[in-house]
PDB file of N, CA and C in Angstrom:
ATOM      1  N   UNK A   1      -1.300 157.276 -93.069  1.00  0.00           N
ATOM      2  CA  UNK A   1      -0.250 156.334 -93.804  1.00  0.00           C
ATOM      3  C   UNK A   1      -0.713 155.965 -95.034  1.00  0.00           C
ATOM      4  N   UNK A   2      -2.035 155.138 -95.075  1.00  0.00           N
ATOM      5  CA  UNK A   2      -2.868 154.728 -96.395  1.00  0.00           C
ATOM      6  C   UNK A   2      -3.065 155.632 -97.081  1.00  0.00           C
ATOM      7  N   UNK A   3      -3.668 157.009 -96.425  1.00  0.00           N
ATOM      8  CA  UNK A   3      -4.182 157.906 -97.331  1.00  0.00           C
ATOM      9  C   UNK A   3      -3.156 158.487 -97.969  1.00  0.00           C
ATOM     10  N   UNK A   4      -2.014 158.767 -97.511  1.00  0.00           N
ATOM     11  CA  UNK A   4      -0.618 159.297 -98.384  1.00  0.00           C
ATOM     12  C   UNK A   4      -0.457 158.305 -99.399  1.00  0.00           C
ATOM     13  N   UNK A   5      -0.405 157.014 -99.253  1.00  0.00           N
ATOM     14  CA  UNK A   5      -0.594 156.183-100.297  1.00  0.00           C
ATOM     15  C   UNK A   5      -1.358 156.371-101.558  1.00  0.00           C
ATOM     16  N   UNK A   6      -2.462 156.710-101.142  1.00  0.00           N
ATOM     17  CA  UNK A   6      -3.462 156.777-102.288  1.00  0.00           C
ATOM     18  C   UNK A   6      -3.296 158.084-103.101  1.00  0.00           C
ATOM     19  N   UNK A   7      -3.203 159.063-102.336  1.00  0.00           N
ATOM     20  CA  UNK A   7      -2.856 160.370-102.833  1.00  0.00           C
ATOM     21  C   UNK A   7      -1.753 160.252-103.764  1.00  0.00           C
ATOM     22  N   UNK A   8      -0.743 159.306-103.584  1.00  0.00           N
ATOM     23  CA  UNK A   8       0.424 159.168-104.337  1.00  0.00           C
ATOM     24  C   UNK A   8       0.376 158.057-105.675  1.00  0.00           C
ATOM     25  N   UNK A   9      -0.908 157.345-105.563  1.00  0.00           N
ATOM     26  CA  UNK A   9      -1.295 156.915-106.743  1.00  0.00           C
ATOM     27  C   UNK A   9      -1.211 155.418-106.650  1.00  0.00           C
ATOM     28  N   UNK A  10      -1.301 154.652-105.397  1.00  0.00           N
ATOM     29  CA  UNK A  10      -1.258 153.214-105.211  1.00  0.00           C
ATOM     30  C   UNK A  10      -2.616 152.949-105.636  1.00  0.00           C
ATOM     31  N   UNK A  11      -2.615 151.572-106.054  1.00  0.00           N
ATOM     32  CA  UNK A  11      -3.897 151.178-106.398  1.00  0.00           C
ATOM     33  C   UNK A  11      -4.758 150.964-105.288  1.00  0.00           C
ATOM     34  N   UNK A  12      -6.259 151.236-105.576  1.00  0.00           N
ATOM     35  CA  UNK A  12      -7.306 151.321-104.645  1.00  0.00           C
ATOM     36  C   UNK A  12      -8.454 151.126-105.167  1.00  0.00           C
ATOM     37  N   UNK A  13      -9.553 150.329-104.499  1.00  0.00           N
ATOM     38  CA  UNK A  13     -10.845 150.346-104.778  1.00  0.00           C
ATOM     39  C   UNK A  13     -11.545 150.754-103.907  1.00  0.00           C
ATOM     40  N   UNK A  14     -12.597 151.479-104.428  1.00  0.00           N
ATOM     41  CA  UNK A  14     -13.652 152.384-103.589  1.00  0.00           C
ATOM     42  C   UNK A  14     -15.042 151.565-103.322  1.00  0.00           C
ATOM     43  N   UNK A  15     -15.628 152.034-102.177  1.00  0.00           N
ATOM     44  CA  UNK A  15     -16.918 151.535-102.091  1.00  0.00           C
ATOM     45  C   UNK A  15     -16.997 150.404-100.946  1.00  0.00           C
ATOM     46  N   UNK A  16     -17.768 149.855-100.377  1.00  0.00           N
ATOM     47  CA  UNK A  16     -18.162 149.098 -99.547  1.00  0.00           C
ATOM     48  C   UNK A  16     -17.957 147.509 -99.948  1.00  0.00           C
ATOM     49  N   UNK A  17     -18.866 147.578-101.048  1.00  0.00           N
ATOM     50  CA  UNK A  17     -18.861 146.202-101.678  1.00  0.00           C
ATOM     51  C   UNK A  17     -17.567 145.623-102.088  1.00  0.00           C
ATOM     52  N   UNK A  18     -16.671 146.693-102.990  1.00  0.00           N
ATOM     53  CA  UNK A  18     -15.497 146.376-103.830  1.00  0.00           C
ATOM     54  C   UNK A  18     -14.475 146.153-102.973  1.00  0.00           C
ATOM     55  N   UNK A  19     -14.560 147.021-101.571  1.00  0.00           N
ATOM     56  CA  UNK A  19     -13.532 146.995-100.413  1.00  0.00           C
ATOM     57  C   UNK A  19     -13.598 145.464 -99.826  1.00  0.00           C
ATOM     58  N   UNK A  20     -14.877 145.173 -99.442  1.00  0.00           N
ATOM     59  CA  UNK A  20     -14.966 143.763 -98.757  1.00  0.00           C
ATOM     60  C   UNK A  20     -14.552 142.710 -99.689  1.00  0.00           C
ATOM     61  N   UNK A  21     -14.555 142.750-100.945  1.00  0.00           N
ATOM     62  CA  UNK A  21     -14.290 141.614-101.621  1.00  0.00           C
ATOM     63  C   UNK A  21     -12.685 141.203-101.979  1.00  0.00           C
ATOM     64  N   UNK A  22     -12.246 142.878-101.841  1.00  0.00           N
ATOM     65  CA  UNK A  22     -10.540 142.651-101.753  1.00  0.00           C
ATOM     66  C   UNK A  22      -9.941 142.194-100.636  1.00  0.00           C
ATOM     67  N   UNK A  23     -10.654 142.603 -99.410  1.00  0.00           N
ATOM     68  CA  UNK A  23     -10.543 142.088 -98.079  1.00  0.00           C
ATOM     69  C   UNK A  23     -10.651 140.705 -98.208  1.00  0.00           C
ATOM     70  N   UNK A  24     -11.655 140.059 -98.469  1.00  0.00           N
ATOM     71  CA  UNK A  24     -11.988 138.580 -98.432  1.00  0.00           C
ATOM     72  C   UNK A  24     -10.949 137.766 -99.316  1.00  0.00           C
ATOM     73  N   UNK A  25     -10.638 138.647-100.316  1.00  0.00           N
ATOM     74  CA  UNK A  25      -9.490 137.858-101.241  1.00  0.00           C
ATOM     75  C   UNK A  25      -8.291 138.165-101.006  1.00  0.00           C
ATOM     76  N   UNK A  26      -7.572 138.689 -99.747  1.00  0.00           N
ATOM     77  CA  UNK A  26      -6.377 139.059 -99.346  1.00  0.00           C
ATOM     78  C   UNK A  26      -5.563 140.188 -99.995  1.00  0.00           C
ATOM     79  N   UNK A  27      -6.388 140.808-100.702  1.00  0.00           N
ATOM     80  CA  UNK A  27      -5.829 141.749-101.856  1.00  0.00           C
ATOM     81  C   UNK A  27      -5.451 143.187-101.451  1.00  0.00           C
ATOM     82  N   UNK A  28      -6.101 143.136 -99.871  1.00  0.00           N
ATOM     83  CA  UNK A  28      -6.030 144.544 -99.392  1.00  0.00           C
ATOM     84  C   UNK A  28      -4.807 144.989 -98.324  1.00  0.00           C
ATOM     85  N   UNK A  29      -3.895 145.795 -98.613  1.00  0.00           N
ATOM     86  CA  UNK A  29      -3.046 146.139 -97.736  1.00  0.00           C
ATOM     87  C   UNK A  29      -3.633 146.922 -96.608  1.00  0.00           C
ATOM     88  N   UNK A  30      -4.592 147.540 -96.809  1.00  0.00           N
ATOM     89  CA  UNK A  30      -5.091 148.472 -95.377  1.00  0.00           C
ATOM     90  C   UNK A  30      -6.410 149.051 -96.028  1.00  0.00           C
ATOM     91  N   UNK A  31      -7.236 149.511 -95.140  1.00  0.00           N
ATOM     92  CA  UNK A  31      -8.629 150.119 -95.422  1.00  0.00           C
ATOM     93  C   UNK A  31      -8.761 151.472 -94.800  1.00  0.00           C
ATOM     94  N   UNK A  32      -9.120 152.331 -95.680  1.00  0.00           N
ATOM     95  CA  UNK A  32      -9.494 153.818 -95.121  1.00  0.00           C
ATOM     96  C   UNK A  32     -11.018 153.773 -95.057  1.00  0.00           C
ATOM     97  N   UNK A  33     -11.478 154.323 -93.947  1.00  0.00           N
ATOM     98  CA  UNK A  33     -12.822 154.532 -93.394  1.00  0.00           C
ATOM     99  C   UNK A  33     -13.306 156.011 -93.286  1.00  0.00           C
ATOM    100  N   UNK A  34     -14.055 156.607 -93.742  1.00  0.00           N
ATOM    101  CA  UNK A  34     -14.757 157.969 -93.368  1.00  0.00           C
ATOM    102  C   UNK A  34     -15.186 158.042 -92.027  1.00  0.00           C
ATOM    103  N   UNK A  35     -14.990 158.861 -91.015  1.00  0.00           N
ATOM    104  CA  UNK A  35     -15.471 159.083 -89.773  1.00  0.00           C
ATOM    105  C   UNK A  35     -16.977 159.673 -89.793  1.00  0.00           C
ATOM    106  N   UNK A  36     -17.315 160.214 -90.803  1.00  0.00           N
ATOM    107  CA  UNK A  36     -18.681 160.719 -90.853  1.00  0.00           C
ATOM    108  C   UNK A  36     -19.617 159.903 -91.683  1.00  0.00           C
ATOM    109  N   UNK A  37     -19.259 158.653 -92.331  1.00  0.00           N
ATOM    110  CA  UNK A  37     -19.975 157.542 -92.823  1.00  0.00           C
ATOM    111  C   UNK A  37     -20.725 156.537 -91.893  1.00  0.00           C
ATOM    112  N   UNK A  38     -22.020 156.324 -92.189  1.00  0.00           N
ATOM    113  CA  UNK A  38     -22.717 155.622 -91.201  1.00  0.00           C
ATOM    114  C   UNK A  38     -22.299 154.377 -90.761  1.00  0.00           C
ATOM    115  N   UNK A  39     -22.294 154.066 -89.493  1.00  0.00           N
ATOM    116  CA  UNK A  39     -21.871 152.990 -88.682  1.00  0.00           C
ATOM    117  C   UNK A  39     -22.410 151.555 -89.269  1.00  0.00           C
ATOM    118  N   UNK A  40     -23.775 151.845 -89.625  1.00  0.00           N
ATOM    119  CA  UNK A  40     -24.032 150.403 -90.094  1.00  0.00           C
ATOM    120  C   UNK A  40     -23.469 150.108 -91.559  1.00  0.00           C
ATOM    121  N   UNK A  41     -22.949 150.839 -92.162  1.00  0.00           N
ATOM    122  CA  UNK A  41     -22.350 150.945 -93.612  1.00  0.00           C
ATOM    123  C   UNK A  41     -20.884 150.309 -93.312  1.00  0.00           C
ATOM    124  N   UNK A  42     -20.211 150.920 -92.370  1.00  0.00           N
ATOM    125  CA  UNK A  42     -18.916 150.837 -92.240  1.00  0.00           C
ATOM    126  C   UNK A  42     -18.510 149.634 -91.306  1.00  0.00           C
ATOM    127  N   UNK A  43     -19.624 149.250 -90.348  1.00  0.00           N
ATOM    128  CA  UNK A  43     -19.260 148.203 -89.197  1.00  0.00           C
ATOM    129  C   UNK A  43     -18.731 146.950 -89.899  1.00  0.00           C
ATOM    130  N   UNK A  44     -19.720 146.547 -90.871  1.00  0.00           N
ATOM    131  CA  UNK A  44     -19.085 145.060 -91.514  1.00  0.00           C
ATOM    132  C   UNK A  44     -17.877 145.177 -92.095  1.00  0.00           C
ATOM    133  N   UNK A  45     -17.528 146.311 -92.666  1.00  0.00           N
ATOM    134  CA  UNK A  45     -16.235 146.185 -93.176  1.00  0.00           C
ATOM    135  C   UNK A  45     -15.044 146.164 -91.966  1.00  0.00           C
ATOM    136  N   UNK A  46     -15.176 147.084 -90.793  1.00  0.00           N
ATOM    137  CA  UNK A  46     -14.315 147.043 -89.664  1.00  0.00           C
ATOM    138  C   UNK A  46     -14.308 145.467 -89.142  1.00  0.00           C
ATOM    139  N   UNK A  47     -15.130 144.820 -89.057  1.00  0.00           N
ATOM    140  CA  UNK A  47     -15.430 143.538 -88.505  1.00  0.00           C
ATOM    141  C   UNK A  47     -14.619 142.647 -89.502  1.00  0.00           C
ATOM    142  N   UNK A  48     -14.771 142.807 -90.585  1.00  0.00           N
ATOM    143  CA  UNK A  48     -13.887 141.883 -91.721  1.00  0.00           C
ATOM    144  C   UNK A  48     -12.430 142.175 -91.388  1.00  0.00           C
ATOM    145  N   UNK A  49     -12.124 143.405 -91.308  1.00  0.00           N
ATOM    146  CA  UNK A  49     -10.645 144.026 -91.435  1.00  0.00           C
ATOM    147  C   UNK A  49     -10.110 143.079 -90.008  1.00  0.00           C
ATOM    148  N   UNK A  50     -10.951 143.278 -88.874  1.00  0.00           N
ATOM    149  CA  UNK A  50     -10.489 142.673 -87.660  1.00  0.00           C
ATOM    150  C   UNK A  50     -10.146 141.154 -87.821  1.00  0.00           C
ATOM    151  N   UNK A  51     -11.259 140.586 -88.323  1.00  0.00           N
ATOM    152  CA  UNK A  51     -10.895 139.311 -88.763  1.00  0.00           C
ATOM    153  C   UNK A  51      -9.955 138.737 -89.278  1.00  0.00           C
ATOM    154  N   UNK A  52      -9.369 139.695 -90.557  1.00  0.00           N
ATOM    155  CA  UNK A  52      -8.462 139.366 -91.343  1.00  0.00           C
ATOM    156  C   UNK A  52      -7.089 140.036 -90.964  1.00  0.00           C
ATOM    157  N   UNK A  53      -6.986 141.015 -89.883  1.00  0.00           N
ATOM    158  CA  UNK A  53      -6.060 141.386 -89.365  1.00  0.00           C
ATOM    159  C   UNK A  53      -5.330 142.421 -90.292  1.00  0.00           C
ATOM    160  N   UNK A  54      -6.298 143.119 -90.737  1.00  0.00           N
ATOM    161  CA  UNK A  54      -5.967 144.483 -91.819  1.00  0.00           C
ATOM    162  C   UNK A  54      -6.086 145.717 -91.098  1.00  0.00           C
ATOM    163  N   UNK A  55      -5.258 146.543 -91.177  1.00  0.00           N
ATOM    164  CA  UNK A  55      -5.223 147.806 -90.299  1.00  0.00           C
ATOM    165  C   UNK A  55      -6.236 148.724 -91.195  1.00  0.00           C
ATOM    166  N   UNK A  56      -7.082 149.419 -90.191  1.00  0.00           N
ATOM    167  CA  UNK A  56      -7.762 150.372 -90.588  1.00  0.00           C
ATOM    168  C   UNK A  56      -7.509 151.807 -90.164  1.00  0.00           C
ATOM    169  N   UNK A  57      -7.486 152.718 -91.236  1.00  0.00           N
ATOM    170  CA  UNK A  57      -7.079 153.979 -91.175  1.00  0.00           C
ATOM    171  C   UNK A  57      -8.398 154.970 -91.116  1.00  0.00           C
ATOM    172  N   UNK A  58      -8.750 156.079 -90.254  1.00  0.00           N
ATOM    173  CA  UNK A  58      -9.997 156.701 -90.346  1.00  0.00           C
ATOM    174  C   UNK A  58      -9.452 158.104 -90.992  1.00  0.00           C
ATOM    175  N   UNK A  59     -10.453 158.629 -91.841  1.00  0.00           N
ATOM    176  CA  UNK A  59     -10.329 159.802 -92.843  1.00  0.00           C
ATOM    177  C   UNK A  59     -11.329 160.585 -92.281  1.00  0.00           C
ATOM    178  N   UNK A  60     -11.153 162.157 -91.678  1.00  0.00           N
ATOM    179  CA  UNK A  60     -12.195 163.138 -91.227  1.00  0.00           C
ATOM    180  C   UNK A  60     -13.768 162.908 -91.944  1.00  0.00           C
ATOM    181  N   UNK A  61     -13.508 162.950 -93.247  1.00  0.00           N
ATOM    182  CA  UNK A  61     -14.928 162.969 -94.179  1.00  0.00           C
ATOM    183  C   UNK A  61     -14.832 162.072 -95.245  1.00  0.00           C
ATOM    184  N   UNK A  62     -16.262 161.856 -95.800  1.00  0.00           N
ATOM    185  CA  UNK A  62     -16.280 161.051 -96.866  1.00  0.00           C
ATOM    186  C   UNK A  62     -15.684 161.807 -98.239  1.00  0.00           C
ATOM    187  N   UNK A  63     -16.138 163.274 -97.894  1.00  0.00           N
ATOM    188  CA  UNK A  63     -15.672 163.779 -99.275  1.00  0.00           C
ATOM    189  C   UNK A  63     -14.144 164.158 -99.375  1.00  0.00           C
ATOM    190  N   UNK A  64     -13.537 164.052 -98.272  1.00  0.00           N
ATOM    191  CA  UNK A  64     -12.005 163.980 -98.269  1.00  0.00           C
ATOM    192  C   UNK A  64     -11.663 162.692 -98.818  1.00  0.00           C
ATOM    193  N   UNK A  65     -12.146 161.355 -98.392  1.00  0.00           N
ATOM    194  CA  UNK A  65     -11.848 160.115 -98.951  1.00  0.00           C
ATOM    195  C   UNK A  65     -11.996 159.982-100.457  1.00  0.00           C
ATOM    196  N   UNK A  66     -13.122 160.568-100.823  1.00  0.00           N
ATOM    197  CA  UNK A  66     -13.452 160.551-102.277  1.00  0.00           C
ATOM    198  C   UNK A  66     -12.370 161.107-103.069  1.00  0.00           C
ATOM    199  N   UNK A  67     -12.364 162.518-102.765  1.00  0.00           N
ATOM    200  CA  UNK A  67     -11.125 163.231-103.355  1.00  0.00           C
ATOM    201  C   UNK A  67      -9.987 162.752-103.634  1.00  0.00           C
ATOM    202  N   UNK A  68      -9.471 161.890-102.269  1.00  0.00           N
ATOM    203  CA  UNK A  68      -8.165 161.464-102.320  1.00  0.00           C
ATOM    204  C   UNK A  68      -8.283 160.383-103.556  1.00  0.00           C
ATOM    205  N   UNK A  69      -9.435 159.536-103.492  1.00  0.00           N
ATOM    206  CA  UNK A  69      -9.329 158.493-104.306  1.00  0.00           C
ATOM    207  C   UNK A  69      -9.781 158.901-105.922  1.00  0.00           C
ATOM    208  N   UNK A  70      -9.711 160.198-105.934  1.00  0.00           N
ATOM    209  CA  UNK A  70      -9.888 160.620-107.434  1.00  0.00           C
ATOM    210  C   UNK A  70     -11.269 160.807-108.116  1.00  0.00           C
ATOM    211  N   UNK A  71     -12.278 160.523-107.073  1.00  0.00           N
ATOM    212  CA  UNK A  71     -13.478 160.419-107.453  1.00  0.00           C
ATOM    213  C   UNK A  71     -14.071 161.799-107.057  1.00  0.00           C
ATOM    214  N   UNK A  72     -15.320 162.366-107.565  1.00  0.00           N
ATOM    215  CA  UNK A  72     -16.149 163.455-107.480  1.00  0.00           C
ATOM    216  C   UNK A  72     -17.153 163.509-106.285  1.00  0.00           C
ATOM    217  N   UNK A  73     -17.420 162.212-105.941  1.00  0.00           N
ATOM    218  CA  UNK A  73     -18.470 162.181-104.410  1.00  0.00           C
ATOM    219  C   UNK A  73     -17.523 161.578-103.455  1.00  0.00           C
ATOM    220  N   UNK A  74     -18.503 161.589-102.588  1.00  0.00           N
ATOM    221  CA  UNK A  74     -17.809 161.175-101.048  1.00  0.00           C
ATOM    222  C   UNK A  74     -17.817 159.560-101.303  1.00  0.00           C
ATOM    223  N   UNK A  75     -16.898 159.119-100.389  1.00  0.00           N
ATOM    224  CA  UNK A  75     -16.462 157.737-100.126  1.00  0.00           C
ATOM    225  C   UNK A  75     -16.818 157.391 -98.890  1.00  0.00           C
ATOM    226  N   UNK A  76     -17.391 156.188 -98.487  1.00  0.00           N
ATOM    227  CA  UNK A  76     -17.266 155.757 -97.031  1.00  0.00           C
ATOM    228  C   UNK A  76     -15.993 154.897 -96.736  1.00  0.00           C
ATOM    229  N   UNK A  77     -15.828 153.950 -97.478  1.00  0.00           N
ATOM    230  CA  UNK A  77     -14.721 153.188 -97.585  1.00  0.00           C
ATOM    231  C   UNK A  77     -13.791 152.825 -98.758  1.00  0.00           C
ATOM    232  N   UNK A  78     -12.637 152.666 -98.598  1.00  0.00           N
ATOM    233  CA  UNK A  78     -11.768 152.496 -99.638  1.00  0.00           C
ATOM    234  C   UNK A  78     -10.598 151.531 -99.178  1.00  0.00           C
ATOM    235  N   UNK A  79     -10.223 150.609-100.101  1.00  0.00           N
ATOM    236  CA  UNK A  79      -9.045 149.532 -99.491  1.00  0.00           C
ATOM    237  C   UNK A  79      -8.034 149.793-100.699  1.00  0.00           C
ATOM    238  N   UNK A  80      -6.886 149.942 -99.774  1.00  0.00           N
ATOM    239  CA  UNK A  80      -5.558 150.262-100.537  1.00  0.00           C
ATOM    240  C   UNK A  80      -5.032 148.631-100.851  1.00  0.00           C
ATOM    241  N   UNK A  81      -4.904 148.387-102.124  1.00  0.00           N
ATOM    242  CA  UNK A  81      -4.558 147.044-102.796  1.00  0.00           C
ATOM    243  C   UNK A  81      -3.040 146.894-102.472  1.00  0.00           C
ATOM    244  N   UNK A  82      -2.680 145.657-102.307  1.00  0.00           N
ATOM    245  CA  UNK A  82      -1.442 145.086-102.199  1.00  0.00           C
ATOM    246  C   UNK A  82      -0.868 145.311-103.709  1.00  0.00           C
ATOM    247  N   UNK A  83       0.499 145.665-103.654  1.00  0.00           N
ATOM    248  CA  UNK A  83       1.243 145.898-104.848  1.00  0.00           C
ATOM    249  C   UNK A  83       2.026 144.474-105.016  1.00  0.00           C
ATOM    250  N   UNK A  84       2.032 143.878-106.176  1.00  0.00           N
ATOM    251  CA  UNK A  84       2.619 142.701-106.085  1.00  0.00           C
ATOM    252  C   UNK A  84       4.198 142.625-106.353  1.00  0.00           C
TER     253      UNK A  84
END
């Protein structure tokens, strides 16, 4: 669902810190997390999403998530931003 949005050009922030900021500021519509990312990296993001009621979608690999976000390296977390 959100992965298709990202591939179609929806605004997105990439990385744990940027995603956490977007979630905390209620700017995230949903979050993508790579299944092969370390749990100690993604755990706090999952917890924050649970507290804020934000949907989390998993992506099989960091490489796939990075590519979908338009970067040439893997990404563990990305947040799809709400459109105004």
